[in-house]
Amino acid sequence: MAPAVTGAAHRMQSRRFRCDVARNGDGVRITLEGELDIATAPEVEAALRDAAGEPAAGPCVLDLRALTFMDSSGLRTILSANGAARRGGRQLRIVAGPPAVQRVFEICGVTDGLRFVEP
């Protein structure tokens, strides 16, 4: 059985993920780096929720190019944000991630329901 992750070890794991939010007159760009999983998905959810709640916000671009891993929690976060954007009359634009990340979308058969764009 693997030992539980606690204290400093947990903080070290958390540093492997970044969620950068850049706002400009054209909208919001959220750039993710590292591993999008059950531990980091809440940070991404909050960033996407904040971006969607901005008045007269332009498009929200979610840049996945620097992700190294994504699990089902990350997929759920992105699908939920996409649904919320559509219900609000907006569009979530996604810059595709590396092959391992894109494979998650493909295996789950959701690529047609998302808008992937060029960087």
N, C-alpha and C. Protein backbone atom coordinates (compact mmCIF):
# COMPACT_ATOMS: atom_id res chain seq x y z
N MET A 1 0.84 -1.18 0.00
CA MET A 1 0.00 0.00 0.00
C MET A 1 0.89 1.25 0.00
N ALA A 2 0.58 2.18 -0.85
CA ALA A 2 1.35 3.42 -0.96
C ALA A 2 1.04 4.33 0.22
N PRO A 3 2.03 5.02 0.74
CA PRO A 3 1.78 5.95 1.84
C PRO A 3 0.97 7.15 1.37
N ALA A 4 0.23 7.72 2.28
CA ALA A 4 -0.58 8.90 1.97
C ALA A 4 0.33 10.08 1.70
N VAL A 5 -0.11 10.96 0.83
CA VAL A 5 0.65 12.17 0.53
C VAL A 5 0.21 13.25 1.52
N THR A 6 1.19 13.81 2.22
CA THR A 6 0.86 14.82 3.22
C THR A 6 1.86 15.97 3.17
N GLY A 7 1.51 17.05 3.80
CA GLY A 7 2.41 18.18 4.03
C GLY A 7 3.18 18.65 2.83
N ALA A 8 4.50 18.68 2.98
CA ALA A 8 5.39 19.21 1.93
C ALA A 8 5.28 18.42 0.64
N ALA A 9 5.08 17.11 0.74
CA ALA A 9 4.96 16.29 -0.46
C ALA A 9 3.75 16.72 -1.28
N HIS A 10 2.65 17.03 -0.62
CA HIS A 10 1.46 17.49 -1.33
C HIS A 10 1.71 18.84 -2.00
N ARG A 11 2.37 19.73 -1.31
CA ARG A 11 2.67 21.04 -1.89
C ARG A 11 3.55 20.90 -3.12
N MET A 12 4.49 19.98 -3.11
CA MET A 12 5.37 19.76 -4.26
C MET A 12 4.55 19.27 -5.45
N GLN A 13 3.61 18.37 -5.22
CA GLN A 13 2.78 17.87 -6.31
C GLN A 13 1.94 19.00 -6.90
N SER A 14 1.41 19.86 -6.05
CA SER A 14 0.55 20.94 -6.52
C SER A 14 1.31 21.93 -7.39
N ARG A 15 2.62 22.09 -7.18
CA ARG A 15 3.40 23.03 -7.96
C ARG A 15 3.57 22.58 -9.41
N ARG A 16 3.25 21.36 -9.70
CA ARG A 16 3.40 20.87 -11.07
C ARG A 16 2.25 21.33 -11.96
N PHE A 17 1.32 22.09 -11.43
CA PHE A 17 0.19 22.56 -12.21
C PHE A 17 0.10 24.07 -12.14
N ARG A 18 -0.21 24.67 -13.29
CA ARG A 18 -0.43 26.13 -13.35
C ARG A 18 -1.69 26.40 -14.13
N CYS A 19 -2.42 27.39 -13.69
CA CYS A 19 -3.61 27.87 -14.39
C CYS A 19 -3.47 29.38 -14.47
N ASP A 20 -3.06 29.87 -15.65
CA ASP A 20 -2.85 31.30 -15.85
C ASP A 20 -4.05 31.89 -16.58
N VAL A 21 -4.56 33.00 -16.06
CA VAL A 21 -5.71 33.68 -16.67
C VAL A 21 -5.26 35.05 -17.16
N ALA A 22 -5.46 35.29 -18.46
CA ALA A 22 -5.09 36.58 -19.05
C ALA A 22 -6.35 37.21 -19.63
N ARG A 23 -6.67 38.39 -19.15
CA ARG A 23 -7.85 39.12 -19.65
C ARG A 23 -7.38 40.26 -20.54
N ASN A 24 -8.10 40.43 -21.65
CA ASN A 24 -7.84 41.58 -22.51
C ASN A 24 -9.16 42.02 -23.11
N GLY A 25 -9.15 43.02 -23.93
CA GLY A 25 -10.39 43.53 -24.50
C GLY A 25 -11.12 42.53 -25.37
N ASP A 26 -10.42 41.51 -25.82
CA ASP A 26 -11.03 40.51 -26.69
C ASP A 26 -11.61 39.33 -25.94
N GLY A 27 -11.39 39.22 -24.66
CA GLY A 27 -11.91 38.09 -23.90
C GLY A 27 -10.92 37.60 -22.87
N VAL A 28 -10.97 36.31 -22.61
CA VAL A 28 -10.15 35.70 -21.58
C VAL A 28 -9.42 34.49 -22.17
N ARG A 29 -8.15 34.35 -21.83
CA ARG A 29 -7.38 33.16 -22.22
C ARG A 29 -6.92 32.49 -20.94
N ILE A 30 -7.28 31.22 -20.80
CA ILE A 30 -6.87 30.42 -19.65
C ILE A 30 -5.89 29.38 -20.17
N THR A 31 -4.66 29.44 -19.67
CA THR A 31 -3.61 28.53 -20.10
C THR A 31 -3.31 27.57 -18.98
N LEU A 32 -3.38 26.27 -19.28
CA LEU A 32 -3.13 25.23 -18.29
C LEU A 32 -1.79 24.58 -18.55
N GLU A 33 -1.08 24.28 -17.49
CA GLU A 33 0.22 23.63 -17.61
C GLU A 33 0.35 22.55 -16.54
N GLY A 34 0.75 21.36 -16.94
CA GLY A 34 0.95 20.27 -15.99
C GLY A 34 -0.15 19.24 -16.09
N GLU A 35 -0.65 18.79 -14.93
CA GLU A 35 -1.64 17.72 -14.88
C GLU A 35 -2.99 18.25 -14.44
N LEU A 36 -3.98 18.05 -15.29
CA LEU A 36 -5.36 18.41 -14.96
C LEU A 36 -6.05 17.14 -14.47
N ASP A 37 -6.26 17.08 -13.15
CA ASP A 37 -6.84 15.88 -12.55
C ASP A 37 -7.76 16.27 -11.40
N ILE A 38 -8.13 15.31 -10.60
CA ILE A 38 -9.07 15.56 -9.51
C ILE A 38 -8.56 16.61 -8.52
N ALA A 39 -7.25 16.69 -8.36
CA ALA A 39 -6.67 17.67 -7.42
C ALA A 39 -6.65 19.08 -7.98
N THR A 40 -6.53 19.22 -9.30
CA THR A 40 -6.38 20.55 -9.89
C THR A 40 -7.64 21.05 -10.61
N ALA A 41 -8.59 20.17 -10.86
CA ALA A 41 -9.81 20.55 -11.56
C ALA A 41 -10.57 21.70 -10.87
N PRO A 42 -10.67 21.73 -9.54
CA PRO A 42 -11.39 22.85 -8.91
C PRO A 42 -10.82 24.22 -9.24
N GLU A 43 -9.51 24.32 -9.39
CA GLU A 43 -8.89 25.60 -9.75
C GLU A 43 -9.31 26.02 -11.16
N VAL A 44 -9.37 25.06 -12.07
CA VAL A 44 -9.77 25.33 -13.44
C VAL A 44 -11.26 25.68 -13.48
N GLU A 45 -12.08 24.95 -12.73
CA GLU A 45 -13.51 25.24 -12.65
C GLU A 45 -13.74 26.69 -12.21
N ALA A 46 -13.01 27.11 -11.18
CA ALA A 46 -13.16 28.47 -10.68
C ALA A 46 -12.75 29.50 -11.73
N ALA A 47 -11.65 29.25 -12.43
CA ALA A 47 -11.20 30.19 -13.47
C ALA A 47 -12.21 30.28 -14.60
N LEU A 48 -12.75 29.14 -15.01
CA LEU A 48 -13.74 29.14 -16.09
C LEU A 48 -15.04 29.81 -15.65
N ARG A 49 -15.44 29.58 -14.41
CA ARG A 49 -16.66 30.21 -13.87
C ARG A 49 -16.49 31.73 -13.80
N ASP A 50 -15.33 32.18 -13.34
CA ASP A 50 -15.06 33.62 -13.28
C ASP A 50 -15.07 34.24 -14.67
N ALA A 51 -14.46 33.56 -15.63
CA ALA A 51 -14.42 34.07 -17.01
C ALA A 51 -15.82 34.17 -17.59
N ALA A 52 -16.66 33.20 -17.31
CA ALA A 52 -18.02 33.20 -17.85
C ALA A 52 -18.88 34.27 -17.20
N GLY A 53 -18.54 34.65 -15.97
CA GLY A 53 -19.35 35.63 -15.25
C GLY A 53 -19.00 37.07 -15.52
N GLU A 54 -17.98 37.31 -16.31
CA GLU A 54 -17.60 38.69 -16.59
C GLU A 54 -18.60 39.33 -17.55
N PRO A 55 -19.04 40.54 -17.23
CA PRO A 55 -20.00 41.21 -18.11
C PRO A 55 -19.39 41.52 -19.48
N ALA A 56 -20.16 41.27 -20.49
CA ALA A 56 -19.75 41.54 -21.88
C ALA A 56 -18.40 40.94 -22.22
N ALA A 57 -18.14 39.80 -21.62
CA ALA A 57 -16.87 39.15 -21.89
C ALA A 57 -16.87 38.60 -23.31
N GLY A 58 -15.73 38.71 -23.94
CA GLY A 58 -15.57 38.12 -25.27
C GLY A 58 -15.39 36.62 -25.12
N PRO A 59 -14.82 36.00 -26.11
CA PRO A 59 -14.65 34.55 -26.05
C PRO A 59 -13.70 34.12 -24.95
N CYS A 60 -13.91 32.93 -24.46
CA CYS A 60 -13.00 32.33 -23.50
C CYS A 60 -12.22 31.26 -24.25
N VAL A 61 -10.90 31.38 -24.24
CA VAL A 61 -10.03 30.42 -24.90
C VAL A 61 -9.32 29.62 -23.81
N LEU A 62 -9.45 28.30 -23.89
CA LEU A 62 -8.81 27.40 -22.96
C LEU A 62 -7.66 26.72 -23.69
N ASP A 63 -6.44 27.05 -23.29
CA ASP A 63 -5.24 26.57 -23.97
C ASP A 63 -4.68 25.36 -23.24
N LEU A 64 -4.71 24.19 -23.91
CA LEU A 64 -4.29 22.94 -23.30
C LEU A 64 -2.91 22.48 -23.76
N ARG A 65 -2.22 23.28 -24.54
CA ARG A 65 -0.95 22.84 -25.14
C ARG A 65 0.11 22.42 -24.14
N ALA A 66 0.11 22.98 -22.94
CA ALA A 66 1.15 22.65 -21.97
C ALA A 66 0.71 21.60 -20.95
N LEU A 67 -0.46 21.01 -21.16
CA LEU A 67 -0.88 19.92 -20.27
C LEU A 67 -0.06 18.68 -20.57
N THR A 68 0.28 17.95 -19.53
CA THR A 68 0.99 16.69 -19.71
C THR A 68 0.07 15.50 -19.44
N PHE A 69 -1.06 15.75 -18.78
CA PHE A 69 -1.98 14.68 -18.40
C PHE A 69 -3.35 15.27 -18.14
N MET A 70 -4.40 14.52 -18.46
CA MET A 70 -5.77 14.91 -18.11
C MET A 70 -6.55 13.66 -17.81
N ASP A 71 -7.26 13.64 -16.69
CA ASP A 71 -8.10 12.50 -16.36
C ASP A 71 -9.57 12.86 -16.55
N SER A 72 -10.44 11.97 -16.10
CA SER A 72 -11.88 12.20 -16.30
C SER A 72 -12.37 13.43 -15.55
N SER A 73 -11.72 13.82 -14.46
CA SER A 73 -12.11 15.04 -13.74
C SER A 73 -11.87 16.27 -14.60
N GLY A 74 -10.76 16.28 -15.30
CA GLY A 74 -10.46 17.38 -16.21
C GLY A 74 -11.44 17.42 -17.37
N LEU A 75 -11.74 16.26 -17.91
CA LEU A 75 -12.71 16.18 -19.01
C LEU A 75 -14.07 16.70 -18.55
N ARG A 76 -14.53 16.27 -17.38
CA ARG A 76 -15.81 16.73 -16.85
C ARG A 76 -15.82 18.24 -16.67
N THR A 77 -14.72 18.79 -16.18
CA THR A 77 -14.62 20.24 -15.98
C THR A 77 -14.78 20.98 -17.30
N ILE A 78 -14.10 20.51 -18.34
CA ILE A 78 -14.17 21.17 -19.64
C ILE A 78 -15.56 21.01 -20.27
N LEU A 79 -16.14 19.83 -20.18
CA LEU A 79 -17.48 19.61 -20.73
C LEU A 79 -18.52 20.45 -20.01
N SER A 80 -18.40 20.56 -18.70
CA SER A 80 -19.34 21.40 -17.92
C SER A 80 -19.21 22.87 -18.31
N ALA A 81 -17.98 23.33 -18.46
CA ALA A 81 -17.76 24.73 -18.85
C ALA A 81 -18.30 24.99 -20.25
N ASN A 82 -18.13 24.02 -21.14
CA ASN A 82 -18.65 24.17 -22.50
C ASN A 82 -20.18 24.26 -22.47
N GLY A 83 -20.82 23.41 -21.69
CA GLY A 83 -22.27 23.45 -21.57
C GLY A 83 -22.76 24.76 -20.99
N ALA A 84 -22.09 25.24 -19.95
CA ALA A 84 -22.47 26.51 -19.33
C ALA A 84 -22.30 27.67 -20.31
N ALA A 85 -21.22 27.64 -21.08
CA ALA A 85 -20.99 28.69 -22.07
C ALA A 85 -22.11 28.70 -23.11
N ARG A 86 -22.47 27.54 -23.59
CA ARG A 86 -23.55 27.46 -24.58
C ARG A 86 -24.88 27.96 -24.02
N ARG A 87 -25.19 27.56 -22.79
CA ARG A 87 -26.44 28.02 -22.17
C ARG A 87 -26.45 29.54 -22.01
N GLY A 88 -25.26 30.13 -21.82
CA GLY A 88 -25.15 31.57 -21.66
C GLY A 88 -24.97 32.32 -22.97
N GLY A 89 -25.10 31.59 -24.09
CA GLY A 89 -24.96 32.23 -25.39
C GLY A 89 -23.52 32.54 -25.76
N ARG A 90 -22.59 31.88 -25.14
CA ARG A 90 -21.17 32.11 -25.41
C ARG A 90 -20.54 30.84 -25.96
N GLN A 91 -19.27 30.94 -26.25
CA GLN A 91 -18.58 29.79 -26.81
C GLN A 91 -17.23 29.61 -26.10
N LEU A 92 -16.95 28.38 -25.73
CA LEU A 92 -15.65 28.05 -25.18
C LEU A 92 -14.80 27.54 -26.33
N ARG A 93 -13.69 28.21 -26.56
CA ARG A 93 -12.76 27.80 -27.62
C ARG A 93 -11.59 27.08 -26.95
N ILE A 94 -11.20 25.96 -27.53
CA ILE A 94 -10.16 25.14 -26.92
C ILE A 94 -8.99 24.99 -27.88
N VAL A 95 -7.80 25.33 -27.41
CA VAL A 95 -6.58 25.06 -28.16
C VAL A 95 -6.15 23.66 -27.76
N ALA A 96 -6.07 22.78 -28.74
CA ALA A 96 -5.82 21.36 -28.48
C ALA A 96 -4.52 21.13 -27.72
N GLY A 97 -4.56 20.09 -26.90
CA GLY A 97 -3.40 19.69 -26.13
C GLY A 97 -2.57 18.67 -26.90
N PRO A 98 -1.55 18.15 -26.26
CA PRO A 98 -0.71 17.13 -26.89
C PRO A 98 -1.52 15.84 -27.12
N PRO A 99 -0.98 14.92 -27.90
CA PRO A 99 -1.72 13.71 -28.25
C PRO A 99 -2.32 12.95 -27.06
N ALA A 100 -1.60 12.83 -25.96
CA ALA A 100 -2.14 12.09 -24.81
C ALA A 100 -3.38 12.76 -24.23
N VAL A 101 -3.42 14.08 -24.26
CA VAL A 101 -4.58 14.82 -23.76
C VAL A 101 -5.72 14.72 -24.76
N GLN A 102 -5.43 14.91 -26.03
CA GLN A 102 -6.47 14.83 -27.06
C GLN A 102 -7.10 13.45 -27.11
N ARG A 103 -6.31 12.44 -26.78
CA ARG A 103 -6.82 11.06 -26.81
C ARG A 103 -7.97 10.89 -25.83
N VAL A 104 -7.96 11.58 -24.71
CA VAL A 104 -9.05 11.50 -23.74
C VAL A 104 -10.36 11.98 -24.38
N PHE A 105 -10.30 13.09 -25.11
CA PHE A 105 -11.50 13.59 -25.80
C PHE A 105 -11.98 12.58 -26.84
N GLU A 106 -11.04 12.02 -27.59
CA GLU A 106 -11.38 11.09 -28.66
C GLU A 106 -11.97 9.80 -28.12
N ILE A 107 -11.37 9.22 -27.09
CA ILE A 107 -11.87 7.98 -26.51
C ILE A 107 -13.29 8.15 -26.00
N CYS A 108 -13.58 9.31 -25.45
CA CYS A 108 -14.92 9.57 -24.89
C CYS A 108 -15.91 10.05 -25.95
N GLY A 109 -15.44 10.26 -27.17
CA GLY A 109 -16.33 10.64 -28.26
C GLY A 109 -16.95 12.01 -28.14
N VAL A 110 -16.21 12.97 -27.59
CA VAL A 110 -16.77 14.30 -27.38
C VAL A 110 -16.15 15.39 -28.25
N THR A 111 -15.26 15.03 -29.15
CA THR A 111 -14.57 16.05 -29.93
C THR A 111 -15.52 16.85 -30.81
N ASP A 112 -16.57 16.23 -31.31
CA ASP A 112 -17.51 16.95 -32.19
C ASP A 112 -18.32 18.02 -31.44
N GLY A 113 -18.49 17.85 -30.14
CA GLY A 113 -19.27 18.81 -29.38
C GLY A 113 -18.47 19.98 -28.83
N LEU A 114 -17.17 19.99 -29.10
CA LEU A 114 -16.30 21.05 -28.61
C LEU A 114 -15.71 21.82 -29.78
N ARG A 115 -15.35 23.07 -29.54
CA ARG A 115 -14.77 23.88 -30.60
C ARG A 115 -13.27 24.00 -30.39
N PHE A 116 -12.51 23.24 -31.17
CA PHE A 116 -11.06 23.32 -31.12
C PHE A 116 -10.61 24.35 -32.13
N VAL A 117 -9.67 25.22 -31.70
CA VAL A 117 -9.19 26.31 -32.54
C VAL A 117 -7.66 26.29 -32.60
N GLU A 118 -7.13 27.01 -33.56
CA GLU A 118 -5.68 27.18 -33.66
C GLU A 118 -5.22 28.15 -32.59
N PRO A 119 -3.96 28.01 -32.15
CA PRO A 119 -3.46 28.91 -31.11
C PRO A 119 -3.50 30.32 -31.57
